[in-house]
Amino acid sequence: MSFQQKNITVSLVSFILILGFYSLRVIQMIGNESFTSGNVFWLWGIIIGLAVVVTIIGTILTHIVSAVIEVVRTGKDDPKIEDIEDERDQLIDLKGTKVTYTVYSLGVFAAMLTFVFGLQPLVMFSLLILAGLVAQIIGDVFRLVLYRRGF
């Protein structure tokens, strides 16, 4: 697996876990009738913090483990890690970003429709975060598919 594929996989797993946590918390808030602005905005802060911290820590740990495995496998003290990004990698990243932005735009449109239909503004805000998480996951899956295809 290439350097870029490892980074994408870490991001994908991180955001799937964060989406699961977010969905669980929102369902709990709705079930406990504690779906208030304070709770929703507190959850936003937690989700943004988790996205940053989990992705950074996951990426660092993945590279450390990869380096250790490479040292054990080859027996050399200085493992060679291919972290060079060429035009193909940049093109795959751009196409993945395009998919991510498209999905997020559709999610924002759906969130705005809930506001138009008279639902609480908190529903709109919750759908905005949900759309961001889902868009990131779909974009990462698309990038991995492009790498697997050999594009």
Protein backbone atom coordinates (compact mmCIF):
# COMPACT_ATOMS: atom_id res chain seq x y z
CA MET A 1 0.00 0.00 0.00
CA SER A 2 1.41 3.39 -0.95
CA PHE A 3 2.02 6.28 1.41
CA GLN A 4 -1.02 8.16 0.08
CA GLN A 5 -3.27 5.11 0.33
CA LYS A 6 -2.30 4.67 3.98
CA ASN A 7 -3.16 8.31 4.69
CA ILE A 8 -6.52 7.98 2.95
CA THR A 9 -7.30 4.75 4.80
CA VAL A 10 -6.51 6.36 8.15
CA SER A 11 -8.73 9.31 7.27
CA LEU A 12 -11.53 6.99 6.14
CA VAL A 13 -11.47 4.88 9.30
CA SER A 14 -11.26 8.01 11.49
CA PHE A 15 -14.24 9.66 9.87
CA ILE A 16 -16.32 6.46 9.94
CA LEU A 17 -15.72 6.21 13.69
CA ILE A 18 -16.51 9.90 14.16
CA LEU A 19 -19.70 9.54 12.09
CA GLY A 20 -20.76 6.61 14.27
CA PHE A 21 -20.11 8.63 17.44
CA TYR A 22 -21.96 11.66 16.05
CA SER A 23 -24.97 9.60 14.94
CA LEU A 24 -25.16 7.85 18.30
CA ARG A 25 -25.00 11.12 20.23
CA VAL A 26 -27.66 12.80 18.08
CA ILE A 27 -29.99 9.80 18.45
CA GLN A 28 -29.41 9.87 22.22
CA MET A 29 -30.16 13.60 22.35
CA ILE A 30 -33.38 13.14 20.43
CA GLY A 31 -34.39 10.17 22.60
CA ASN A 32 -33.63 12.03 25.86
CA GLU A 33 -35.30 15.19 24.59
CA SER A 34 -32.04 17.08 25.17
CA PHE A 35 -31.74 18.25 21.55
CA THR A 36 -30.96 21.84 22.50
CA SER A 37 -28.68 24.43 20.97
CA GLY A 38 -26.15 24.15 23.79
CA ASN A 39 -25.86 20.38 23.39
CA VAL A 40 -25.70 20.52 19.59
CA PHE A 41 -22.99 23.19 19.53
CA TRP A 42 -21.05 21.34 22.23
CA LEU A 43 -21.24 18.23 20.05
CA TRP A 44 -19.99 20.27 17.07
CA GLY A 45 -16.91 21.26 19.04
CA ILE A 46 -16.28 17.67 20.08
CA ILE A 47 -16.65 16.41 16.49
CA ILE A 48 -14.28 19.04 15.07
CA GLY A 49 -11.73 18.35 17.80
CA LEU A 50 -12.02 14.60 17.26
CA ALA A 51 -11.58 14.99 13.51
CA VAL A 52 -8.34 16.88 13.95
CA VAL A 53 -6.86 14.87 16.81
CA VAL A 54 -7.85 11.39 15.64
CA THR A 55 -6.65 12.00 12.08
CA ILE A 56 -3.30 13.39 13.22
CA ILE A 57 -2.66 10.68 15.81
CA GLY A 58 -3.86 7.94 13.46
CA THR A 59 -1.59 9.15 10.67
CA ILE A 60 1.44 9.39 12.96
CA LEU A 61 0.85 5.93 14.43
CA THR A 62 0.33 4.42 10.99
CA HIS A 63 3.64 5.79 9.75
CA ILE A 64 5.48 4.66 12.86
CA VAL A 65 4.07 1.14 12.58
CA SER A 66 4.83 1.06 8.85
CA ALA A 67 8.43 2.10 9.50
CA VAL A 68 8.84 -0.53 12.22
CA ILE A 69 7.43 -3.24 9.96
CA GLU A 70 9.75 -2.14 7.15
CA VAL A 71 12.79 -2.29 9.48
CA VAL A 72 11.82 -5.76 10.70
CA ARG A 73 11.14 -6.98 7.18
CA THR A 74 14.31 -5.67 5.54
CA GLY A 75 16.68 -5.67 8.51
CA LYS A 76 17.94 -2.17 7.65
CA ASP A 77 18.03 0.56 10.26
CA ASP A 78 17.01 3.28 7.82
CA PRO A 79 13.75 2.26 6.10
CA LYS A 80 12.99 3.79 2.71
CA ILE A 81 9.50 5.25 2.72
CA GLU A 82 8.07 6.38 -0.61
CA ASP A 83 6.26 9.57 0.28
CA ILE A 84 6.75 11.31 -3.05
CA GLU A 85 3.58 12.73 -4.57
CA ASP A 86 3.50 12.74 -8.36
CA GLU A 87 0.98 14.12 -10.85
CA ARG A 88 -1.15 10.98 -10.64
CA ASP A 89 -1.50 11.37 -6.87
CA GLN A 90 -2.39 15.03 -7.26
CA LEU A 91 -5.01 14.21 -9.91
CA ILE A 92 -6.57 11.52 -7.72
CA ASP A 93 -6.65 13.95 -4.80
CA LEU A 94 -8.28 16.64 -6.94
CA LYS A 95 -10.94 14.24 -8.21
CA GLY A 96 -11.63 13.06 -4.66
CA THR A 97 -11.90 16.65 -3.49
CA LYS A 98 -14.36 17.38 -6.30
CA VAL A 99 -16.54 14.45 -5.20
CA THR A 100 -16.30 15.55 -1.56
CA TYR A 101 -17.38 19.10 -2.37
CA THR A 102 -20.22 17.89 -4.60
CA VAL A 103 -21.60 15.60 -1.89
CA TYR A 104 -21.21 18.31 0.73
CA SER A 105 -23.01 20.83 -1.50
CA LEU A 106 -25.93 18.44 -1.87
CA GLY A 107 -25.96 17.96 1.90
CA VAL A 108 -25.99 21.72 2.47
CA PHE A 109 -28.89 22.01 0.02
CA ALA A 110 -30.80 19.31 1.93
CA ALA A 111 -30.04 21.08 5.22
CA MET A 112 -31.35 24.36 3.85
CA LEU A 113 -34.53 22.63 2.69
CA THR A 114 -35.24 21.51 6.26
CA PHE A 115 -35.08 25.13 7.32
CA VAL A 116 -37.41 26.12 4.48
CA PHE A 117 -39.90 23.44 5.51
CA GLY A 118 -40.16 24.94 8.97
CA LEU A 119 -38.04 22.53 11.02
CA GLN A 120 -35.87 23.74 13.88
CA PRO A 121 -32.63 25.48 12.95
CA LEU A 122 -30.84 22.85 15.05
CA VAL A 123 -31.90 20.21 12.52
CA MET A 124 -30.24 22.24 9.80
CA PHE A 125 -27.04 22.64 11.81
CA SER A 126 -26.97 18.94 12.64
CA LEU A 127 -27.42 18.03 8.99
CA LEU A 128 -24.55 20.34 8.03
CA ILE A 129 -22.13 18.38 10.21
CA LEU A 130 -23.60 15.09 9.02
CA ALA A 131 -23.15 16.19 5.40
CA GLY A 132 -19.52 17.11 6.05
CA LEU A 133 -18.73 13.75 7.62
CA VAL A 134 -20.51 11.77 4.90
CA ALA A 135 -18.87 13.84 2.16
CA GLN A 136 -15.41 13.18 3.60
CA ILE A 137 -16.10 9.44 3.78
CA ILE A 138 -17.41 9.29 0.21
CA GLY A 139 -14.46 11.33 -1.05
CA ASP A 140 -11.97 9.00 0.68
CA VAL A 141 -13.70 5.91 -0.71
CA PHE A 142 -13.58 7.46 -4.18
CA ARG A 143 -9.84 8.16 -3.82
CA LEU A 144 -9.18 4.59 -2.71
CA VAL A 145 -11.18 3.25 -5.66
CA LEU A 146 -9.12 5.37 -8.04
CA TYR A 147 -5.88 4.07 -6.48
CA ARG A 148 -7.09 0.47 -6.68
CA ARG A 149 -8.05 0.91 -10.32
CA GLY A 150 -4.56 2.12 -11.03
CA PHE A 151 -5.72 5.44 -12.36
